[in-house]
């Protein structure tokens, strides 16, 4: 049973570049600690103070092993400190989701190709 940790961040919209750096740092740290990073997502249009991070694991036990490695990671500790010092995260919420297998990463059926004649 694959699970995804869906993290919703409420961020300071005037510190978006700092949050982006924070997310980019996790891009290196999370895989080193055993997480399957699906990505971080920052505001583009519309609401300007919500960002998301999605990390998948094969099980809750794998998530617990990841958290243990993360607690021992010097890079992880430094990134948490970076967030604490710069105060760009106002709040965060974690939800654990399980994909409906028959809907996950479906390829389009009978994909139609459009040709362009120039």
C-alpha atoms as a PDB file:
ATOM      1  CA  UNK A   1       0.000   0.000   0.000  1.00  0.00           C
ATOM      2  CA  UNK A   2       1.765   3.156  -1.180  1.00  0.00           C
ATOM      3  CA  UNK A   3       0.971   6.258   0.885  1.00  0.00           C
ATOM      4  CA  UNK A   4       1.635   9.910   0.191  1.00  0.00           C
ATOM      5  CA  UNK A   5       2.321  12.517   2.833  1.00  0.00           C
ATOM      6  CA  UNK A   6       0.551  15.647   1.599  1.00  0.00           C
ATOM      7  CA  UNK A   7       1.959  18.723   3.342  1.00  0.00           C
ATOM      8  CA  UNK A   8       0.046  21.992   3.114  1.00  0.00           C
ATOM      9  CA  UNK A   9       2.067  25.051   4.043  1.00  0.00           C
ATOM     10  CA  UNK A  10       0.721  28.484   4.883  1.00  0.00           C
ATOM     11  CA  UNK A  11       3.602  30.746   3.934  1.00  0.00           C
ATOM     12  CA  UNK A  12       4.477  34.424   4.048  1.00  0.00           C
ATOM     13  CA  UNK A  13       3.869  35.477   0.419  1.00  0.00           C
ATOM     14  CA  UNK A  14       6.560  38.159   0.748  1.00  0.00           C
ATOM     15  CA  UNK A  15       9.133  35.445   1.464  1.00  0.00           C
ATOM     16  CA  UNK A  16       8.292  33.136  -1.436  1.00  0.00           C
ATOM     17  CA  UNK A  17      11.910  32.985  -2.631  1.00  0.00           C
ATOM     18  CA  UNK A  18      13.007  31.757   0.803  1.00  0.00           C
ATOM     19  CA  UNK A  19      10.342  29.027   0.757  1.00  0.00           C
ATOM     20  CA  UNK A  20      11.465  28.032  -2.739  1.00  0.00           C
ATOM     21  CA  UNK A  21      15.041  27.642  -1.479  1.00  0.00           C
ATOM     22  CA  UNK A  22      13.725  25.557   1.441  1.00  0.00           C
ATOM     23  CA  UNK A  23      11.855  23.306  -1.011  1.00  0.00           C
ATOM     24  CA  UNK A  24      14.896  22.979  -3.269  1.00  0.00           C
ATOM     25  CA  UNK A  25      16.975  21.943  -0.255  1.00  0.00           C
ATOM     26  CA  UNK A  26      14.456  19.159   0.499  1.00  0.00           C
ATOM     27  CA  UNK A  27      14.878  18.019  -3.095  1.00  0.00           C
ATOM     28  CA  UNK A  28      18.307  16.704  -2.096  1.00  0.00           C
ATOM     29  CA  UNK A  29      17.597  15.712   1.510  1.00  0.00           C
ATOM     30  CA  UNK A  30      14.337  13.759   1.197  1.00  0.00           C
ATOM     31  CA  UNK A  31      15.629  11.150  -1.302  1.00  0.00           C
ATOM     32  CA  UNK A  32      18.795  10.684   0.807  1.00  0.00           C
ATOM     33  CA  UNK A  33      16.582   9.825   3.786  1.00  0.00           C
ATOM     34  CA  UNK A  34      14.400   7.356   1.859  1.00  0.00           C
ATOM     35  CA  UNK A  35      11.407   9.411   0.718  1.00  0.00           C
ATOM     36  CA  UNK A  36      10.048   9.377  -2.836  1.00  0.00           C
ATOM     37  CA  UNK A  37       9.692  13.120  -3.400  1.00  0.00           C
ATOM     38  CA  UNK A  38       6.857  13.809  -5.834  1.00  0.00           C
ATOM     39  CA  UNK A  39       7.531  17.525  -5.609  1.00  0.00           C
ATOM     40  CA  UNK A  40       7.014  20.862  -3.945  1.00  0.00           C
ATOM     41  CA  UNK A  41       4.523  23.308  -5.392  1.00  0.00           C
ATOM     42  CA  UNK A  42       4.504  27.062  -4.816  1.00  0.00           C
ATOM     43  CA  UNK A  43       1.873  29.685  -5.628  1.00  0.00           C
ATOM     44  CA  UNK A  44       1.682  30.745  -9.247  1.00  0.00           C
ATOM     45  CA  UNK A  45      -1.700  32.379  -9.658  1.00  0.00           C
ATOM     46  CA  UNK A  46      -4.621  32.864  -7.293  1.00  0.00           C
ATOM     47  CA  UNK A  47      -3.997  32.262  -3.587  1.00  0.00           C
ATOM     48  CA  UNK A  48      -0.506  33.513  -2.804  1.00  0.00           C
ATOM     49  CA  UNK A  49       0.122  32.031   0.644  1.00  0.00           C
ATOM     50  CA  UNK A  50      -0.398  28.284   0.165  1.00  0.00           C
ATOM     51  CA  UNK A  51       2.286  25.814  -0.940  1.00  0.00           C
ATOM     52  CA  UNK A  52       2.397  22.009  -1.007  1.00  0.00           C
ATOM     53  CA  UNK A  53       4.909  19.199  -0.663  1.00  0.00           C
ATOM     54  CA  UNK A  54       4.157  15.583  -1.603  1.00  0.00           C
ATOM     55  CA  UNK A  55       6.321  12.653  -0.514  1.00  0.00           C
ATOM     56  CA  UNK A  56       5.419   8.990  -1.088  1.00  0.00           C
ATOM     57  CA  UNK A  57       6.369   5.892   0.874  1.00  0.00           C
ATOM     58  CA  UNK A  58       5.628   2.204   0.397  1.00  0.00           C
ATOM     59  CA  UNK A  59       4.182   1.982   3.920  1.00  0.00           C
ATOM     60  CA  UNK A  60       3.801   3.836   7.212  1.00  0.00           C
ATOM     61  CA  UNK A  61       6.748   1.785   8.491  1.00  0.00           C
ATOM     62  CA  UNK A  62       8.883   3.223   5.652  1.00  0.00           C
ATOM     63  CA  UNK A  63       7.695   6.697   6.644  1.00  0.00           C
ATOM     64  CA  UNK A  64       8.795   6.065  10.245  1.00  0.00           C
ATOM     65  CA  UNK A  65      12.234   4.894   9.031  1.00  0.00           C
ATOM     66  CA  UNK A  66      12.458   8.040   6.881  1.00  0.00           C
ATOM     67  CA  UNK A  67      11.602  10.266   9.888  1.00  0.00           C
ATOM     68  CA  UNK A  68      14.326   8.540  11.958  1.00  0.00           C
ATOM     69  CA  UNK A  69      16.916   9.162   9.210  1.00  0.00           C
ATOM     70  CA  UNK A  70      15.715  12.736   8.830  1.00  0.00           C
ATOM     71  CA  UNK A  71      16.224  13.388  12.557  1.00  0.00           C
ATOM     72  CA  UNK A  72      19.854  12.265  12.161  1.00  0.00           C
ATOM     73  CA  UNK A  73      20.468  14.281   8.989  1.00  0.00           C
ATOM     74  CA  UNK A  74      22.692  17.342   9.405  1.00  0.00           C
ATOM     75  CA  UNK A  75      21.315  18.766   6.160  1.00  0.00           C
ATOM     76  CA  UNK A  76      17.759  18.200   7.382  1.00  0.00           C
ATOM     77  CA  UNK A  77      18.489  19.939  10.692  1.00  0.00           C
ATOM     78  CA  UNK A  78      20.062  22.851   8.821  1.00  0.00           C
ATOM     79  CA  UNK A  79      16.996  23.200   6.576  1.00  0.00           C
ATOM     80  CA  UNK A  80      14.620  23.158   9.542  1.00  0.00           C
ATOM     81  CA  UNK A  81      16.791  25.858  11.163  1.00  0.00           C
ATOM     82  CA  UNK A  82      16.740  27.879   7.920  1.00  0.00           C
ATOM     83  CA  UNK A  83      12.922  27.902   8.079  1.00  0.00           C
ATOM     84  CA  UNK A  84      12.878  28.748  11.780  1.00  0.00           C
ATOM     85  CA  UNK A  85      15.352  31.618  11.403  1.00  0.00           C
ATOM     86  CA  UNK A  86      13.646  33.168   8.364  1.00  0.00           C
ATOM     87  CA  UNK A  87      10.034  32.593   9.528  1.00  0.00           C
ATOM     88  CA  UNK A  88       8.521  32.073   6.083  1.00  0.00           C
ATOM     89  CA  UNK A  89       6.312  29.156   7.186  1.00  0.00           C
ATOM     90  CA  UNK A  90       3.317  30.338   9.194  1.00  0.00           C
ATOM     91  CA  UNK A  91       1.691  26.917   9.627  1.00  0.00           C
ATOM     92  CA  UNK A  92       1.773  23.449   8.119  1.00  0.00           C
ATOM     93  CA  UNK A  93      -0.614  20.527   8.015  1.00  0.00           C
ATOM     94  CA  UNK A  94       0.155  16.900   7.106  1.00  0.00           C
ATOM     95  CA  UNK A  95      -2.358  14.487   5.665  1.00  0.00           C
ATOM     96  CA  UNK A  96      -1.582  10.902   4.683  1.00  0.00           C
ATOM     97  CA  UNK A  97      -3.298   9.740   1.520  1.00  0.00           C
ATOM     98  CA  UNK A  98      -3.613   6.440  -0.293  1.00  0.00           C
ATOM     99  CA  UNK A  99      -4.075   6.510  -4.061  1.00  0.00           C
ATOM    100  CA  UNK A 100      -7.048   4.821  -5.647  1.00  0.00           C
ATOM    101  CA  UNK A 101      -4.963   2.363  -7.663  1.00  0.00           C
ATOM    102  CA  UNK A 102      -7.184   2.336 -10.751  1.00  0.00           C
ATOM    103  CA  UNK A 103      -6.833   6.124 -11.085  1.00  0.00           C
ATOM    104  CA  UNK A 104      -3.144   6.629 -10.318  1.00  0.00           C
ATOM    105  CA  UNK A 105      -1.005   7.936 -13.189  1.00  0.00           C
ATOM    106  CA  UNK A 106      -3.359   6.830 -15.927  1.00  0.00           C
ATOM    107  CA  UNK A 107      -2.247   7.242 -19.519  1.00  0.00           C
ATOM    108  CA  UNK A 108      -4.788   8.645 -21.976  1.00  0.00           C
ATOM    109  CA  UNK A 109      -6.539   5.915 -23.967  1.00  0.00           C
ATOM    110  CA  UNK A 110      -6.589   6.224 -27.722  1.00  0.00           C
ATOM    111  CA  UNK A 111      -4.401   9.296 -27.647  1.00  0.00           C
ATOM    112  CA  UNK A 112      -5.091  11.399 -30.681  1.00  0.00           C
ATOM    113  CA  UNK A 113      -2.238  13.131 -32.411  1.00  0.00           C
ATOM    114  CA  UNK A 114      -2.801  16.523 -33.950  1.00  0.00           C
ATOM    115  CA  UNK A 115      -0.633  17.373 -36.915  1.00  0.00           C
ATOM    116  CA  UNK A 116       0.337  20.879 -37.835  1.00  0.00           C
ATOM    117  CA  UNK A 117       0.976  21.789 -41.433  1.00  0.00           C
ATOM    118  CA  UNK A 118       3.038  24.924 -41.746  1.00  0.00           C
END
